[in-house]
């Protein structure tokens, strides 16, 4: 009886707290200030941001706009984390400048 209760409680916790598995869907490359939205049933992992240089050779910050808030690189005294950024469905992301480039891996959420 004790083992049965243990098995039932483990299964209950698995069913109640499970959030689904992630399955790779595609790699995405975005540039510039165009607004991009994470589709329903997907999750995005922002892997990398990069900056370009303007015509005078000056570096421009590779800041991102995530859900309407500016995220600047750490080197500029900003708040952009050094690791990946995970964005759930419905989140929005864009570059701050036309020279901002970012790489995203898209996953399907499998229940």
C-alpha atoms as a PDB file:
ATOM      1  CA  UNK A   1       0.000   0.000   0.000  1.00  0.00           C
ATOM      2  CA  UNK A   2       2.845   2.351   0.828  1.00  0.00           C
ATOM      3  CA  UNK A   3       4.440   1.759  -2.596  1.00  0.00           C
ATOM      4  CA  UNK A   4       1.130   2.349  -4.370  1.00  0.00           C
ATOM      5  CA  UNK A   5       0.679   5.669  -2.583  1.00  0.00           C
ATOM      6  CA  UNK A   6       4.226   6.688  -3.512  1.00  0.00           C
ATOM      7  CA  UNK A   7       3.680   5.828  -7.194  1.00  0.00           C
ATOM      8  CA  UNK A   8       0.359   7.691  -7.322  1.00  0.00           C
ATOM      9  CA  UNK A   9       1.873  10.809  -5.713  1.00  0.00           C
ATOM     10  CA  UNK A  10       4.829  10.787  -8.140  1.00  0.00           C
ATOM     11  CA  UNK A  11       2.509  10.446 -11.147  1.00  0.00           C
ATOM     12  CA  UNK A  12       0.251  13.200  -9.798  1.00  0.00           C
ATOM     13  CA  UNK A  13       3.213  15.579  -9.447  1.00  0.00           C
ATOM     14  CA  UNK A  14       4.426  14.713 -12.944  1.00  0.00           C
ATOM     15  CA  UNK A  15       1.010  15.383 -14.525  1.00  0.00           C
ATOM     16  CA  UNK A  16       0.287  18.573 -12.563  1.00  0.00           C
ATOM     17  CA  UNK A  17       3.700  20.256 -12.825  1.00  0.00           C
ATOM     18  CA  UNK A  18       4.825  19.113 -16.263  1.00  0.00           C
ATOM     19  CA  UNK A  19       5.310  22.013 -18.685  1.00  0.00           C
ATOM     20  CA  UNK A  20       5.988  20.031 -21.840  1.00  0.00           C
ATOM     21  CA  UNK A  21       9.106  19.135 -23.769  1.00  0.00           C
ATOM     22  CA  UNK A  22      10.976  21.319 -26.214  1.00  0.00           C
ATOM     23  CA  UNK A  23      11.570  20.181 -29.781  1.00  0.00           C
ATOM     24  CA  UNK A  24      13.925  22.094 -32.098  1.00  0.00           C
ATOM     25  CA  UNK A  25      12.012  23.797 -34.928  1.00  0.00           C
ATOM     26  CA  UNK A  26      14.312  26.258 -36.723  1.00  0.00           C
ATOM     27  CA  UNK A  27      17.130  28.772 -36.445  1.00  0.00           C
ATOM     28  CA  UNK A  28      16.196  32.399 -37.078  1.00  0.00           C
ATOM     29  CA  UNK A  29      18.321  35.431 -37.947  1.00  0.00           C
ATOM     30  CA  UNK A  30      16.904  38.923 -37.439  1.00  0.00           C
ATOM     31  CA  UNK A  31      18.309  42.376 -38.090  1.00  0.00           C
ATOM     32  CA  UNK A  32      17.136  45.867 -37.333  1.00  0.00           C
ATOM     33  CA  UNK A  33      14.155  47.402 -35.584  1.00  0.00           C
ATOM     34  CA  UNK A  34      11.366  45.266 -37.124  1.00  0.00           C
ATOM     35  CA  UNK A  35       9.097  43.873 -34.383  1.00  0.00           C
ATOM     36  CA  UNK A  36       9.046  40.058 -34.123  1.00  0.00           C
ATOM     37  CA  UNK A  37       6.563  38.119 -31.985  1.00  0.00           C
ATOM     38  CA  UNK A  38       7.008  34.613 -30.584  1.00  0.00           C
ATOM     39  CA  UNK A  39       4.182  32.501 -32.094  1.00  0.00           C
ATOM     40  CA  UNK A  40       1.728  30.504 -29.965  1.00  0.00           C
ATOM     41  CA  UNK A  41       3.007  27.047 -29.066  1.00  0.00           C
ATOM     42  CA  UNK A  42       6.642  28.160 -29.515  1.00  0.00           C
ATOM     43  CA  UNK A  43       9.455  29.397 -27.325  1.00  0.00           C
ATOM     44  CA  UNK A  44      12.488  31.374 -28.515  1.00  0.00           C
ATOM     45  CA  UNK A  45      16.016  31.194 -27.179  1.00  0.00           C
ATOM     46  CA  UNK A  46      18.020  34.316 -28.074  1.00  0.00           C
ATOM     47  CA  UNK A  47      21.536  32.975 -28.442  1.00  0.00           C
ATOM     48  CA  UNK A  48      23.586  35.950 -29.579  1.00  0.00           C
ATOM     49  CA  UNK A  49      23.414  39.637 -30.427  1.00  0.00           C
ATOM     50  CA  UNK A  50      25.919  41.483 -32.560  1.00  0.00           C
ATOM     51  CA  UNK A  51      26.622  45.040 -33.592  1.00  0.00           C
ATOM     52  CA  UNK A  52      27.624  46.488 -36.915  1.00  0.00           C
ATOM     53  CA  UNK A  53      29.586  49.630 -37.606  1.00  0.00           C
ATOM     54  CA  UNK A  54      28.242  52.752 -39.233  1.00  0.00           C
ATOM     55  CA  UNK A  55      29.807  54.397 -42.301  1.00  0.00           C
ATOM     56  CA  UNK A  56      32.254  56.396 -40.161  1.00  0.00           C
ATOM     57  CA  UNK A  57      33.549  53.254 -38.433  1.00  0.00           C
ATOM     58  CA  UNK A  58      31.919  53.997 -35.074  1.00  0.00           C
ATOM     59  CA  UNK A  59      30.499  51.018 -33.217  1.00  0.00           C
ATOM     60  CA  UNK A  60      26.786  51.036 -32.466  1.00  0.00           C
ATOM     61  CA  UNK A  61      25.432  49.180 -29.469  1.00  0.00           C
ATOM     62  CA  UNK A  62      23.712  45.865 -30.166  1.00  0.00           C
ATOM     63  CA  UNK A  63      20.822  46.593 -27.845  1.00  0.00           C
ATOM     64  CA  UNK A  64      17.529  44.713 -28.033  1.00  0.00           C
ATOM     65  CA  UNK A  65      13.991  45.838 -27.311  1.00  0.00           C
ATOM     66  CA  UNK A  66      12.204  43.011 -25.482  1.00  0.00           C
ATOM     67  CA  UNK A  67       8.510  43.507 -24.679  1.00  0.00           C
ATOM     68  CA  UNK A  68       8.955  47.267 -25.115  1.00  0.00           C
ATOM     69  CA  UNK A  69      11.984  47.609 -22.797  1.00  0.00           C
ATOM     70  CA  UNK A  70      15.512  48.405 -23.993  1.00  0.00           C
ATOM     71  CA  UNK A  71      18.227  45.911 -23.065  1.00  0.00           C
ATOM     72  CA  UNK A  72      21.775  47.188 -23.578  1.00  0.00           C
ATOM     73  CA  UNK A  73      24.977  45.104 -23.653  1.00  0.00           C
ATOM     74  CA  UNK A  74      26.949  44.666 -20.443  1.00  0.00           C
ATOM     75  CA  UNK A  75      29.956  46.533 -21.900  1.00  0.00           C
ATOM     76  CA  UNK A  76      27.868  49.689 -22.229  1.00  0.00           C
ATOM     77  CA  UNK A  77      26.717  49.532 -18.603  1.00  0.00           C
ATOM     78  CA  UNK A  78      23.458  47.896 -19.651  1.00  0.00           C
ATOM     79  CA  UNK A  79      21.224  45.075 -18.528  1.00  0.00           C
ATOM     80  CA  UNK A  80      21.559  42.511 -21.345  1.00  0.00           C
ATOM     81  CA  UNK A  81      22.549  39.179 -19.750  1.00  0.00           C
ATOM     82  CA  UNK A  82      25.689  37.406 -20.904  1.00  0.00           C
ATOM     83  CA  UNK A  83      23.876  34.100 -21.462  1.00  0.00           C
ATOM     84  CA  UNK A  84      20.855  33.164 -23.564  1.00  0.00           C
ATOM     85  CA  UNK A  85      17.475  34.843 -23.142  1.00  0.00           C
ATOM     86  CA  UNK A  86      14.333  32.680 -23.181  1.00  0.00           C
ATOM     87  CA  UNK A  87      11.141  34.260 -24.544  1.00  0.00           C
ATOM     88  CA  UNK A  88       7.702  32.630 -24.135  1.00  0.00           C
ATOM     89  CA  UNK A  89       4.874  32.802 -26.692  1.00  0.00           C
ATOM     90  CA  UNK A  90       3.501  36.319 -27.159  1.00  0.00           C
ATOM     91  CA  UNK A  91       6.790  38.062 -26.299  1.00  0.00           C
ATOM     92  CA  UNK A  92       8.099  40.682 -28.699  1.00  0.00           C
ATOM     93  CA  UNK A  93      11.678  41.436 -29.685  1.00  0.00           C
ATOM     94  CA  UNK A  94      13.387  43.853 -32.039  1.00  0.00           C
ATOM     95  CA  UNK A  95      16.745  45.511 -32.505  1.00  0.00           C
ATOM     96  CA  UNK A  96      17.272  49.027 -31.239  1.00  0.00           C
ATOM     97  CA  UNK A  97      19.148  50.146 -34.377  1.00  0.00           C
ATOM     98  CA  UNK A  98      19.156  49.002 -37.989  1.00  0.00           C
ATOM     99  CA  UNK A  99      22.636  47.605 -37.295  1.00  0.00           C
ATOM    100  CA  UNK A 100      21.514  45.240 -34.509  1.00  0.00           C
ATOM    101  CA  UNK A 101      21.612  41.554 -35.430  1.00  0.00           C
ATOM    102  CA  UNK A 102      20.419  38.655 -33.282  1.00  0.00           C
ATOM    103  CA  UNK A 103      20.254  34.868 -33.563  1.00  0.00           C
ATOM    104  CA  UNK A 104      17.305  32.892 -32.235  1.00  0.00           C
ATOM    105  CA  UNK A 105      16.573  29.186 -31.912  1.00  0.00           C
ATOM    106  CA  UNK A 106      12.860  28.377 -32.088  1.00  0.00           C
ATOM    107  CA  UNK A 107      11.442  25.385 -30.227  1.00  0.00           C
ATOM    108  CA  UNK A 108       8.017  23.740 -30.386  1.00  0.00           C
ATOM    109  CA  UNK A 109       6.402  23.053 -27.007  1.00  0.00           C
ATOM    110  CA  UNK A 110       5.303  19.400 -26.999  1.00  0.00           C
ATOM    111  CA  UNK A 111       2.760  18.643 -24.228  1.00  0.00           C
END
